[in-house]
């Protein structure tokens, strides 16, 4: 088995573990929340909400149309392609919401329950949120970031449960069921956007790095990189391999290439005239944090310093099979 196949197998098995953890966690949370809400609410509250969700649930299916799967299958999707899918999903979600708003009065008359009309209006917001975050979710799946997906969904479900149960205790009745689902969806959208792979560059460390001075003999340090306890702590913490000290001379640029695994960058000497390019996006990596970069995509880096003609950029760089 090749090294690439081993890495893929490891990532795949990790994804299976996190997917199983997510499903088990969600199932346990759903059972617990349902039992608690059943003790706090009247059966009629569940029935009225179910009348509305029959229509909103079916309508939500029409906002998908396989766009997420198409994005996952497409190799190296461009930013234009991703943007087109996003706006298509958003447009479909808005259209479905408008249709629901039109039929809501007729559904209420069908059930002879005026409250169902208002419930459909409110629950339509979940459909809009679902359309907005569908591309983000597909990109996370495409990049096999199942740990991030599991985290976002479980945390958002817990958040929604806390809000819903609290409202039920306070006597809000059926609206506690509505807000339970909606608040969870809102939280999921917020978390997903923060971990979204669209951002490509992700900070994974909050601690300050050693504040190296330009007077440090990094040429010598380069040859003895593994003798430093701090570097070894980074290697162990982030499960890095092929760790090295990368330098960029003034006006120097690397080739445009791909790696077989993501990398983590720890800038130790840099400034705002040094850049990293990942496909069509250019980033500056400020010193003091670590950055996970999906270098399986086309990338390069360049030192564009013109204000300091002798400035050399230095990064600690290591490959990783971890998906943060």
C-alpha atoms as a PDB file:
ATOM      1  CA  UNK A   1       0.000   0.000   0.000  1.00  0.00           C
ATOM      2  CA  UNK A   2       1.414   3.383  -1.032  1.00  0.00           C
ATOM      3  CA  UNK A   3       1.938   6.261   1.397  1.00  0.00           C
ATOM      4  CA  UNK A   4      -0.890   8.183  -0.269  1.00  0.00           C
ATOM      5  CA  UNK A   5      -3.257   5.209   0.132  1.00  0.00           C
ATOM      6  CA  UNK A   6      -2.307   4.859   3.795  1.00  0.00           C
ATOM      7  CA  UNK A   7      -3.009   8.536   4.411  1.00  0.00           C
ATOM      8  CA  UNK A   8      -6.365   8.279   2.665  1.00  0.00           C
ATOM      9  CA  UNK A   9      -7.252   5.157   4.668  1.00  0.00           C
ATOM     10  CA  UNK A  10      -6.370   6.922   7.917  1.00  0.00           C
ATOM     11  CA  UNK A  11      -8.465   9.976   7.000  1.00  0.00           C
ATOM     12  CA  UNK A  12     -11.346   7.759   5.870  1.00  0.00           C
ATOM     13  CA  UNK A  13     -11.381   5.737   9.105  1.00  0.00           C
ATOM     14  CA  UNK A  14     -11.184   8.945  11.134  1.00  0.00           C
ATOM     15  CA  UNK A  15     -14.177  10.249   9.191  1.00  0.00           C
ATOM     16  CA  UNK A  16     -16.144   7.085   9.943  1.00  0.00           C
ATOM     17  CA  UNK A  17     -15.399   7.406  13.653  1.00  0.00           C
ATOM     18  CA  UNK A  18     -16.506  11.023  13.794  1.00  0.00           C
ATOM     19  CA  UNK A  19     -19.639  10.315  11.716  1.00  0.00           C
ATOM     20  CA  UNK A  20     -20.575   7.477  14.077  1.00  0.00           C
ATOM     21  CA  UNK A  21     -19.901   9.702  17.096  1.00  0.00           C
ATOM     22  CA  UNK A  22     -22.101  12.411  15.622  1.00  0.00           C
ATOM     23  CA  UNK A  23     -25.003  10.066  14.897  1.00  0.00           C
ATOM     24  CA  UNK A  24     -24.887   8.399  18.309  1.00  0.00           C
ATOM     25  CA  UNK A  25     -24.609  11.750  20.067  1.00  0.00           C
ATOM     26  CA  UNK A  26     -27.496  13.237  18.097  1.00  0.00           C
ATOM     27  CA  UNK A  27     -29.673  10.176  18.752  1.00  0.00           C
ATOM     28  CA  UNK A  28     -29.059  10.305  22.505  1.00  0.00           C
ATOM     29  CA  UNK A  29     -29.708  14.060  22.609  1.00  0.00           C
ATOM     30  CA  UNK A  30     -32.926  13.683  20.605  1.00  0.00           C
ATOM     31  CA  UNK A  31     -34.275  10.999  22.952  1.00  0.00           C
ATOM     32  CA  UNK A  32     -33.432  13.002  26.079  1.00  0.00           C
ATOM     33  CA  UNK A  33     -34.864  16.265  24.695  1.00  0.00           C
ATOM     34  CA  UNK A  34     -38.047  14.563  23.453  1.00  0.00           C
ATOM     35  CA  UNK A  35     -38.676  12.995  26.872  1.00  0.00           C
ATOM     36  CA  UNK A  36     -38.147  16.312  28.663  1.00  0.00           C
ATOM     37  CA  UNK A  37     -40.311  18.294  26.238  1.00  0.00           C
ATOM     38  CA  UNK A  38     -43.065  15.659  26.420  1.00  0.00           C
ATOM     39  CA  UNK A  39     -43.190  16.168  30.191  1.00  0.00           C
ATOM     40  CA  UNK A  40     -43.386  19.948  29.868  1.00  0.00           C
ATOM     41  CA  UNK A  41     -45.754  20.441  26.916  1.00  0.00           C
ATOM     42  CA  UNK A  42     -49.275  19.417  26.010  1.00  0.00           C
ATOM     43  CA  UNK A  43     -49.818  16.851  23.237  1.00  0.00           C
ATOM     44  CA  UNK A  44     -51.702  19.534  21.298  1.00  0.00           C
ATOM     45  CA  UNK A  45     -48.507  21.606  21.093  1.00  0.00           C
ATOM     46  CA  UNK A  46     -46.728  18.773  19.309  1.00  0.00           C
ATOM     47  CA  UNK A  47     -49.704  18.248  17.030  1.00  0.00           C
ATOM     48  CA  UNK A  48     -49.952  21.872  15.914  1.00  0.00           C
ATOM     49  CA  UNK A  49     -46.230  22.085  15.170  1.00  0.00           C
ATOM     50  CA  UNK A  50     -46.435  18.788  13.250  1.00  0.00           C
ATOM     51  CA  UNK A  51     -49.218  20.228  11.055  1.00  0.00           C
ATOM     52  CA  UNK A  52     -46.874  22.978   9.907  1.00  0.00           C
ATOM     53  CA  UNK A  53     -43.716  20.866   9.608  1.00  0.00           C
ATOM     54  CA  UNK A  54     -45.478  18.476   7.235  1.00  0.00           C
ATOM     55  CA  UNK A  55     -45.357  21.232   4.621  1.00  0.00           C
ATOM     56  CA  UNK A  56     -42.075  22.882   5.558  1.00  0.00           C
ATOM     57  CA  UNK A  57     -40.303  19.520   5.715  1.00  0.00           C
ATOM     58  CA  UNK A  58     -41.470  18.456   2.267  1.00  0.00           C
ATOM     59  CA  UNK A  59     -40.679  21.894   0.849  1.00  0.00           C
ATOM     60  CA  UNK A  60     -37.107  21.765   2.158  1.00  0.00           C
ATOM     61  CA  UNK A  61     -36.413  18.807  -0.161  1.00  0.00           C
ATOM     62  CA  UNK A  62     -36.861  21.059  -3.200  1.00  0.00           C
ATOM     63  CA  UNK A  63     -34.040  23.381  -2.112  1.00  0.00           C
ATOM     64  CA  UNK A  64     -31.407  20.669  -2.564  1.00  0.00           C
ATOM     65  CA  UNK A  65     -31.759  19.220  -6.102  1.00  0.00           C
ATOM     66  CA  UNK A  66     -28.400  17.450  -5.807  1.00  0.00           C
ATOM     67  CA  UNK A  67     -26.262  20.606  -5.833  1.00  0.00           C
ATOM     68  CA  UNK A  68     -24.348  19.533  -2.731  1.00  0.00           C
ATOM     69  CA  UNK A  69     -23.469  16.162  -4.267  1.00  0.00           C
ATOM     70  CA  UNK A  70     -22.426  17.869  -7.499  1.00  0.00           C
ATOM     71  CA  UNK A  71     -20.041  20.106  -5.564  1.00  0.00           C
ATOM     72  CA  UNK A  72     -18.578  17.128  -3.701  1.00  0.00           C
ATOM     73  CA  UNK A  73     -17.985  15.168  -6.914  1.00  0.00           C
ATOM     74  CA  UNK A  74     -16.463  18.021  -8.898  1.00  0.00           C
ATOM     75  CA  UNK A  75     -12.674  17.982  -8.843  1.00  0.00           C
ATOM     76  CA  UNK A  76     -11.054  21.294  -7.868  1.00  0.00           C
ATOM     77  CA  UNK A  77     -14.208  23.457  -8.147  1.00  0.00           C
ATOM     78  CA  UNK A  78     -13.499  27.085  -8.995  1.00  0.00           C
ATOM     79  CA  UNK A  79     -14.683  29.983  -6.849  1.00  0.00           C
ATOM     80  CA  UNK A  80     -17.157  30.902  -9.609  1.00  0.00           C
ATOM     81  CA  UNK A  81     -18.615  27.389  -9.560  1.00  0.00           C
ATOM     82  CA  UNK A  82     -18.946  27.423  -5.762  1.00  0.00           C
ATOM     83  CA  UNK A  83     -20.532  30.876  -5.886  1.00  0.00           C
ATOM     84  CA  UNK A  84     -23.019  29.729  -8.548  1.00  0.00           C
ATOM     85  CA  UNK A  85     -24.071  26.747  -6.425  1.00  0.00           C
ATOM     86  CA  UNK A  86     -24.445  28.970  -3.365  1.00  0.00           C
ATOM     87  CA  UNK A  87     -26.683  31.484  -5.120  1.00  0.00           C
ATOM     88  CA  UNK A  88     -28.699  28.717  -6.779  1.00  0.00           C
ATOM     89  CA  UNK A  89     -29.416  27.132  -3.390  1.00  0.00           C
ATOM     90  CA  UNK A  90     -30.173  30.510  -1.831  1.00  0.00           C
ATOM     91  CA  UNK A  91     -32.512  31.422  -4.691  1.00  0.00           C
ATOM     92  CA  UNK A  92     -34.349  28.102  -4.421  1.00  0.00           C
ATOM     93  CA  UNK A  93     -34.719  28.545  -0.661  1.00  0.00           C
ATOM     94  CA  UNK A  94     -36.188  32.042  -1.122  1.00  0.00           C
ATOM     95  CA  UNK A  95     -38.567  30.759  -3.799  1.00  0.00           C
ATOM     96  CA  UNK A  96     -39.767  27.912  -1.573  1.00  0.00           C
ATOM     97  CA  UNK A  97     -40.280  30.350   1.318  1.00  0.00           C
ATOM     98  CA  UNK A  98     -42.399  32.597  -0.902  1.00  0.00           C
ATOM     99  CA  UNK A  99     -44.515  29.644  -2.022  1.00  0.00           C
ATOM    100  CA  UNK A 100     -45.044  28.589   1.589  1.00  0.00           C
ATOM    101  CA  UNK A 101     -46.058  32.140   2.489  1.00  0.00           C
ATOM    102  CA  UNK A 102     -48.701  32.030  -0.257  1.00  0.00           C
ATOM    103  CA  UNK A 103     -50.177  28.654   0.698  1.00  0.00           C
ATOM    104  CA  UNK A 104     -49.950  29.150   4.492  1.00  0.00           C
ATOM    105  CA  UNK A 105     -53.482  30.670   4.847  1.00  0.00           C
ATOM    106  CA  UNK A 106     -54.997  27.791   2.851  1.00  0.00           C
ATOM    107  CA  UNK A 107     -53.182  25.202   5.004  1.00  0.00           C
ATOM    108  CA  UNK A 108     -54.491  26.913   8.151  1.00  0.00           C
ATOM    109  CA  UNK A 109     -58.031  26.773   6.749  1.00  0.00           C
ATOM    110  CA  UNK A 110     -57.518  23.102   5.869  1.00  0.00           C
ATOM    111  CA  UNK A 111     -56.680  22.270   9.477  1.00  0.00           C
ATOM    112  CA  UNK A 112     -59.064  24.925  10.851  1.00  0.00           C
ATOM    113  CA  UNK A 113     -56.196  26.207  13.022  1.00  0.00           C
ATOM    114  CA  UNK A 114     -55.161  29.840  12.501  1.00  0.00           C
ATOM    115  CA  UNK A 115     -51.919  29.336  14.445  1.00  0.00           C
ATOM    116  CA  UNK A 116     -50.659  26.953  11.729  1.00  0.00           C
ATOM    117  CA  UNK A 117     -50.374  29.878   9.309  1.00  0.00           C
ATOM    118  CA  UNK A 118     -48.035  31.760  11.665  1.00  0.00           C
ATOM    119  CA  UNK A 119     -46.064  28.580  12.360  1.00  0.00           C
ATOM    120  CA  UNK A 120     -45.436  28.059   8.645  1.00  0.00           C
ATOM    121  CA  UNK A 121     -44.188  31.640   8.299  1.00  0.00           C
ATOM    122  CA  UNK A 122     -41.751  31.211  11.180  1.00  0.00           C
ATOM    123  CA  UNK A 123     -40.584  27.703  10.265  1.00  0.00           C
ATOM    124  CA  UNK A 124     -39.818  28.903   6.732  1.00  0.00           C
ATOM    125  CA  UNK A 125     -36.810  30.695   8.197  1.00  0.00           C
ATOM    126  CA  UNK A 126     -35.208  27.276   8.773  1.00  0.00           C
ATOM    127  CA  UNK A 127     -35.533  26.530   5.057  1.00  0.00           C
ATOM    128  CA  UNK A 128     -33.728  29.763   4.207  1.00  0.00           C
ATOM    129  CA  UNK A 129     -30.931  28.969   6.671  1.00  0.00           C
ATOM    130  CA  UNK A 130     -30.636  25.469   5.239  1.00  0.00           C
ATOM    131  CA  UNK A 131     -30.184  26.908   1.751  1.00  0.00           C
ATOM    132  CA  UNK A 132     -27.540  29.342   2.962  1.00  0.00           C
ATOM    133  CA  UNK A 133     -25.337  26.733   4.646  1.00  0.00           C
ATOM    134  CA  UNK A 134     -25.721  23.856   2.185  1.00  0.00           C
ATOM    135  CA  UNK A 135     -22.621  24.826   0.177  1.00  0.00           C
ATOM    136  CA  UNK A 136     -20.578  25.219   3.351  1.00  0.00           C
ATOM    137  CA  UNK A 137     -21.618  21.755   4.488  1.00  0.00           C
ATOM    138  CA  UNK A 138     -20.830  20.210   1.103  1.00  0.00           C
ATOM    139  CA  UNK A 139     -17.357  21.758   1.103  1.00  0.00           C
ATOM    140  CA  UNK A 140     -16.665  20.374   4.567  1.00  0.00           C
ATOM    141  CA  UNK A 141     -17.745  16.912   3.399  1.00  0.00           C
ATOM    142  CA  UNK A 142     -15.698  17.229   0.213  1.00  0.00           C
ATOM    143  CA  UNK A 143     -12.599  17.892   2.282  1.00  0.00           C
ATOM    144  CA  UNK A 144     -13.514  15.038   4.676  1.00  0.00           C
ATOM    145  CA  UNK A 145     -13.716  17.361   7.658  1.00  0.00           C
ATOM    146  CA  UNK A 146     -16.095  15.108   9.551  1.00  0.00           C
ATOM    147  CA  UNK A 147     -14.711  16.148  12.923  1.00  0.00           C
ATOM    148  CA  UNK A 148     -15.707  19.749  12.207  1.00  0.00           C
ATOM    149  CA  UNK A 149     -19.157  18.667  10.993  1.00  0.00           C
ATOM    150  CA  UNK A 150     -19.731  16.534  14.087  1.00  0.00           C
ATOM    151  CA  UNK A 151     -18.662  19.382  16.355  1.00  0.00           C
ATOM    152  CA  UNK A 152     -20.926  21.912  14.622  1.00  0.00           C
ATOM    153  CA  UNK A 153     -24.002  19.682  14.590  1.00  0.00           C
ATOM    154  CA  UNK A 154     -23.721  18.383  18.157  1.00  0.00           C
ATOM    155  CA  UNK A 155     -22.972  21.814  19.651  1.00  0.00           C
ATOM    156  CA  UNK A 156     -25.838  23.418  17.712  1.00  0.00           C
ATOM    157  CA  UNK A 157     -28.213  20.645  18.803  1.00  0.00           C
ATOM    158  CA  UNK A 158     -27.237  21.146  22.451  1.00  0.00           C
ATOM    159  CA  UNK A 159     -27.670  24.905  22.066  1.00  0.00           C
ATOM    160  CA  UNK A 160     -31.126  24.484  20.543  1.00  0.00           C
ATOM    161  CA  UNK A 161     -32.105  21.999  23.249  1.00  0.00           C
ATOM    162  CA  UNK A 162     -31.103  24.381  26.036  1.00  0.00           C
ATOM    163  CA  UNK A 163     -33.082  27.240  24.470  1.00  0.00           C
ATOM    164  CA  UNK A 164     -36.132  25.074  23.766  1.00  0.00           C
ATOM    165  CA  UNK A 165     -36.272  23.419  27.190  1.00  0.00           C
ATOM    166  CA  UNK A 166     -35.779  26.768  28.903  1.00  0.00           C
ATOM    167  CA  UNK A 167     -38.698  28.254  26.981  1.00  0.00           C
ATOM    168  CA  UNK A 168     -40.844  25.224  27.805  1.00  0.00           C
ATOM    169  CA  UNK A 169     -40.110  25.695  31.520  1.00  0.00           C
ATOM    170  CA  UNK A 170     -41.117  29.346  31.182  1.00  0.00           C
ATOM    171  CA  UNK A 171     -44.464  28.387  29.668  1.00  0.00           C
ATOM    172  CA  UNK A 172     -44.009  29.314  26.004  1.00  0.00           C
ATOM    173  CA  UNK A 173     -45.795  26.159  24.875  1.00  0.00           C
ATOM    174  CA  UNK A 174     -45.520  25.198  21.216  1.00  0.00           C
ATOM    175  CA  UNK A 175     -43.147  28.091  20.506  1.00  0.00           C
ATOM    176  CA  UNK A 176     -40.495  26.318  22.545  1.00  0.00           C
ATOM    177  CA  UNK A 177     -40.577  23.517  19.952  1.00  0.00           C
ATOM    178  CA  UNK A 178     -40.306  25.998  17.097  1.00  0.00           C
ATOM    179  CA  UNK A 179     -37.429  27.952  18.634  1.00  0.00           C
ATOM    180  CA  UNK A 180     -35.656  24.723  19.629  1.00  0.00           C
ATOM    181  CA  UNK A 181     -35.184  23.760  16.004  1.00  0.00           C
ATOM    182  CA  UNK A 182     -34.627  27.271  14.708  1.00  0.00           C
ATOM    183  CA  UNK A 183     -32.027  28.282  17.290  1.00  0.00           C
ATOM    184  CA  UNK A 184     -30.118  25.081  16.623  1.00  0.00           C
ATOM    185  CA  UNK A 185     -30.146  25.814  12.886  1.00  0.00           C
ATOM    186  CA  UNK A 186     -28.946  29.379  13.472  1.00  0.00           C
ATOM    187  CA  UNK A 187     -26.113  28.190  15.722  1.00  0.00           C
ATOM    188  CA  UNK A 188     -25.104  25.553  13.164  1.00  0.00           C
ATOM    189  CA  UNK A 189     -24.933  28.203  10.447  1.00  0.00           C
ATOM    190  CA  UNK A 190     -22.750  30.427  12.632  1.00  0.00           C
ATOM    191  CA  UNK A 191     -20.357  27.629  13.609  1.00  0.00           C
ATOM    192  CA  UNK A 192     -20.168  26.209  10.104  1.00  0.00           C
ATOM    193  CA  UNK A 193     -19.302  29.570   8.609  1.00  0.00           C
ATOM    194  CA  UNK A 194     -16.480  29.936  11.120  1.00  0.00           C
ATOM    195  CA  UNK A 195     -14.964  26.539  10.261  1.00  0.00           C
ATOM    196  CA  UNK A 196     -15.927  26.663   6.613  1.00  0.00           C
ATOM    197  CA  UNK A 197     -13.290  25.340   4.289  1.00  0.00           C
ATOM    198  CA  UNK A 198     -13.996  28.290   1.961  1.00  0.00           C
ATOM    199  CA  UNK A 199     -11.764  30.270   4.263  1.00  0.00           C
ATOM    200  CA  UNK A 200      -9.038  27.727   3.454  1.00  0.00           C
ATOM    201  CA  UNK A 201      -6.658  29.303   5.939  1.00  0.00           C
ATOM    202  CA  UNK A 202      -7.593  28.393   9.475  1.00  0.00           C
ATOM    203  CA  UNK A 203      -6.029  29.441  12.720  1.00  0.00           C
ATOM    204  CA  UNK A 204      -5.654  26.474  15.019  1.00  0.00           C
ATOM    205  CA  UNK A 205      -3.473  27.971  17.757  1.00  0.00           C
ATOM    206  CA  UNK A 206      -4.168  30.811  20.149  1.00  0.00           C
ATOM    207  CA  UNK A 207      -0.935  30.746  22.135  1.00  0.00           C
ATOM    208  CA  UNK A 208       1.763  33.195  21.161  1.00  0.00           C
ATOM    209  CA  UNK A 209       4.784  31.736  19.426  1.00  0.00           C
ATOM    210  CA  UNK A 210       8.281  32.563  20.535  1.00  0.00           C
ATOM    211  CA  UNK A 211       9.007  36.111  19.505  1.00  0.00           C
ATOM    212  CA  UNK A 212      12.098  35.462  17.436  1.00  0.00           C
ATOM    213  CA  UNK A 213      14.284  38.399  16.593  1.00  0.00           C
ATOM    214  CA  UNK A 214      15.901  38.828  13.196  1.00  0.00           C
ATOM    215  CA  UNK A 215      19.291  38.656  14.870  1.00  0.00           C
ATOM    216  CA  UNK A 216      18.809  34.951  15.673  1.00  0.00           C
ATOM    217  CA  UNK A 217      21.145  32.732  13.659  1.00  0.00           C
ATOM    218  CA  UNK A 218      18.389  30.882  11.831  1.00  0.00           C
ATOM    219  CA  UNK A 219      20.854  29.387   9.354  1.00  0.00           C
ATOM    220  CA  UNK A 220      22.325  27.416  12.256  1.00  0.00           C
ATOM    221  CA  UNK A 221      18.902  26.890  13.837  1.00  0.00           C
ATOM    222  CA  UNK A 222      17.684  25.364  10.558  1.00  0.00           C
ATOM    223  CA  UNK A 223      20.185  22.530  10.789  1.00  0.00           C
ATOM    224  CA  UNK A 224      19.299  21.725  14.394  1.00  0.00           C
ATOM    225  CA  UNK A 225      15.548  22.205  14.278  1.00  0.00           C
ATOM    226  CA  UNK A 226      14.709  18.972  16.127  1.00  0.00           C
ATOM    227  CA  UNK A 227      16.979  19.871  19.046  1.00  0.00           C
ATOM    228  CA  UNK A 228      14.479  22.491  20.193  1.00  0.00           C
ATOM    229  CA  UNK A 229      11.923  21.314  22.745  1.00  0.00           C
ATOM    230  CA  UNK A 230       9.411  23.856  21.456  1.00  0.00           C
ATOM    231  CA  UNK A 231       9.527  22.527  17.895  1.00  0.00           C
ATOM    232  CA  UNK A 232       9.148  18.950  19.137  1.00  0.00           C
ATOM    233  CA  UNK A 233       6.130  20.028  21.185  1.00  0.00           C
ATOM    234  CA  UNK A 234       4.517  21.361  17.990  1.00  0.00           C
ATOM    235  CA  UNK A 235       5.289  18.124  16.169  1.00  0.00           C
ATOM    236  CA  UNK A 236       3.707  16.043  18.931  1.00  0.00           C
ATOM    237  CA  UNK A 237       0.724  18.308  19.471  1.00  0.00           C
ATOM    238  CA  UNK A 238      -0.309  18.533  15.819  1.00  0.00           C
ATOM    239  CA  UNK A 239       1.008  15.119  14.702  1.00  0.00           C
ATOM    240  CA  UNK A 240       3.275  16.741  12.149  1.00  0.00           C
ATOM    241  CA  UNK A 241       5.838  15.005   9.971  1.00  0.00           C
ATOM    242  CA  UNK A 242       8.350  16.158   7.381  1.00  0.00           C
ATOM    243  CA  UNK A 243       8.768  19.202   9.599  1.00  0.00           C
ATOM    244  CA  UNK A 244      11.294  21.790   8.406  1.00  0.00           C
ATOM    245  CA  UNK A 245      12.191  25.425   8.525  1.00  0.00           C
ATOM    246  CA  UNK A 246      11.260  27.127   5.256  1.00  0.00           C
ATOM    247  CA  UNK A 247      12.797  30.409   4.208  1.00  0.00           C
ATOM    248  CA  UNK A 248      11.990  32.768   1.396  1.00  0.00           C
ATOM    249  CA  UNK A 249      14.603  35.161   0.160  1.00  0.00           C
ATOM    250  CA  UNK A 250      13.556  38.695  -0.902  1.00  0.00           C
ATOM    251  CA  UNK A 251      11.668  38.691  -4.224  1.00  0.00           C
ATOM    252  CA  UNK A 252      11.605  34.872  -4.195  1.00  0.00           C
ATOM    253  CA  UNK A 253       8.583  32.745  -5.119  1.00  0.00           C
ATOM    254  CA  UNK A 254       7.982  29.006  -4.867  1.00  0.00           C
ATOM    255  CA  UNK A 255       6.565  26.993  -7.768  1.00  0.00           C
ATOM    256  CA  UNK A 256       2.813  26.566  -8.105  1.00  0.00           C
ATOM    257  CA  UNK A 257       2.251  23.000  -6.869  1.00  0.00           C
ATOM    258  CA  UNK A 258       0.219  20.599  -4.728  1.00  0.00           C
ATOM    259  CA  UNK A 259       1.147  18.396  -1.769  1.00  0.00           C
ATOM    260  CA  UNK A 260      -0.175  14.962  -0.815  1.00  0.00           C
ATOM    261  CA  UNK A 261      -1.225  16.194   2.635  1.00  0.00           C
ATOM    262  CA  UNK A 262      -2.233  19.474   4.326  1.00  0.00           C
ATOM    263  CA  UNK A 263       0.399  21.556   6.087  1.00  0.00           C
ATOM    264  CA  UNK A 264       0.612  23.603   9.245  1.00  0.00           C
ATOM    265  CA  UNK A 265       2.547  26.881   9.111  1.00  0.00           C
ATOM    266  CA  UNK A 266       4.022  28.650  12.119  1.00  0.00           C
ATOM    267  CA  UNK A 267       5.420  32.019  10.958  1.00  0.00           C
ATOM    268  CA  UNK A 268       8.402  33.113  13.049  1.00  0.00           C
ATOM    269  CA  UNK A 269       9.737  35.973  10.927  1.00  0.00           C
ATOM    270  CA  UNK A 270       7.391  37.617   8.434  1.00  0.00           C
ATOM    271  CA  UNK A 271       5.676  40.907   7.603  1.00  0.00           C
ATOM    272  CA  UNK A 272       2.749  42.196   5.574  1.00  0.00           C
ATOM    273  CA  UNK A 273       4.695  41.983   2.318  1.00  0.00           C
ATOM    274  CA  UNK A 274       4.963  38.168   2.492  1.00  0.00           C
ATOM    275  CA  UNK A 275       2.051  36.215   1.046  1.00  0.00           C
ATOM    276  CA  UNK A 276       0.673  32.720   0.648  1.00  0.00           C
ATOM    277  CA  UNK A 277      -1.437  31.927  -2.421  1.00  0.00           C
ATOM    278  CA  UNK A 278      -3.963  29.078  -2.367  1.00  0.00           C
ATOM    279  CA  UNK A 279      -5.629  28.657  -5.746  1.00  0.00           C
ATOM    280  CA  UNK A 280      -7.257  32.046  -6.430  1.00  0.00           C
ATOM    281  CA  UNK A 281      -6.940  33.456  -2.933  1.00  0.00           C
ATOM    282  CA  UNK A 282      -3.999  35.351  -1.434  1.00  0.00           C
ATOM    283  CA  UNK A 283      -3.351  35.474   2.312  1.00  0.00           C
ATOM    284  CA  UNK A 284      -0.955  37.088   4.703  1.00  0.00           C
ATOM    285  CA  UNK A 285       0.023  34.970   7.706  1.00  0.00           C
ATOM    286  CA  UNK A 286       0.752  37.203  10.713  1.00  0.00           C
ATOM    287  CA  UNK A 287       3.263  35.977  13.255  1.00  0.00           C
ATOM    288  CA  UNK A 288       1.998  34.643  16.572  1.00  0.00           C
ATOM    289  CA  UNK A 289      -0.419  31.948  15.415  1.00  0.00           C
ATOM    290  CA  UNK A 290      -0.438  28.597  13.647  1.00  0.00           C
ATOM    291  CA  UNK A 291      -2.278  28.049  10.355  1.00  0.00           C
ATOM    292  CA  UNK A 292      -3.721  24.856   8.900  1.00  0.00           C
ATOM    293  CA  UNK A 293      -3.559  25.050   5.097  1.00  0.00           C
ATOM    294  CA  UNK A 294      -5.069  22.575   2.651  1.00  0.00           C
ATOM    295  CA  UNK A 295      -1.975  22.346   0.446  1.00  0.00           C
ATOM    296  CA  UNK A 296      -3.482  19.450  -1.482  1.00  0.00           C
ATOM    297  CA  UNK A 297      -4.762  22.323  -3.598  1.00  0.00           C
ATOM    298  CA  UNK A 298      -2.547  24.377  -5.868  1.00  0.00           C
ATOM    299  CA  UNK A 299      -0.506  26.855  -3.862  1.00  0.00           C
ATOM    300  CA  UNK A 300       2.639  28.925  -3.698  1.00  0.00           C
ATOM    301  CA  UNK A 301       4.250  31.566  -1.491  1.00  0.00           C
ATOM    302  CA  UNK A 302       6.286  34.644  -2.228  1.00  0.00           C
ATOM    303  CA  UNK A 303       8.335  37.244  -0.423  1.00  0.00           C
ATOM    304  CA  UNK A 304       7.406  40.512  -2.075  1.00  0.00           C
ATOM    305  CA  UNK A 305       9.387  42.802   0.182  1.00  0.00           C
ATOM    306  CA  UNK A 306      10.398  46.044  -1.456  1.00  0.00           C
ATOM    307  CA  UNK A 307      10.628  48.147   1.694  1.00  0.00           C
ATOM    308  CA  UNK A 308      13.184  45.786   3.280  1.00  0.00           C
ATOM    309  CA  UNK A 309      15.325  44.432   0.483  1.00  0.00           C
ATOM    310  CA  UNK A 310      17.244  42.045   2.779  1.00  0.00           C
ATOM    311  CA  UNK A 311      14.195  40.671   4.601  1.00  0.00           C
ATOM    312  CA  UNK A 312      13.969  36.838   4.770  1.00  0.00           C
ATOM    313  CA  UNK A 313      10.691  35.137   5.634  1.00  0.00           C
ATOM    314  CA  UNK A 314      10.942  32.116   7.990  1.00  0.00           C
ATOM    315  CA  UNK A 315       8.190  29.565   8.740  1.00  0.00           C
ATOM    316  CA  UNK A 316       8.166  26.321  10.702  1.00  0.00           C
ATOM    317  CA  UNK A 317       6.247  23.999   8.373  1.00  0.00           C
ATOM    318  CA  UNK A 318       5.057  20.427   8.854  1.00  0.00           C
ATOM    319  CA  UNK A 319       2.715  18.084   7.027  1.00  0.00           C
ATOM    320  CA  UNK A 320      -0.240  16.621   8.895  1.00  0.00           C
ATOM    321  CA  UNK A 321      -2.971  14.071   8.238  1.00  0.00           C
ATOM    322  CA  UNK A 322      -5.185  15.727  10.825  1.00  0.00           C
ATOM    323  CA  UNK A 323      -8.219  17.719   9.628  1.00  0.00           C
ATOM    324  CA  UNK A 324      -8.807  20.570  12.068  1.00  0.00           C
END
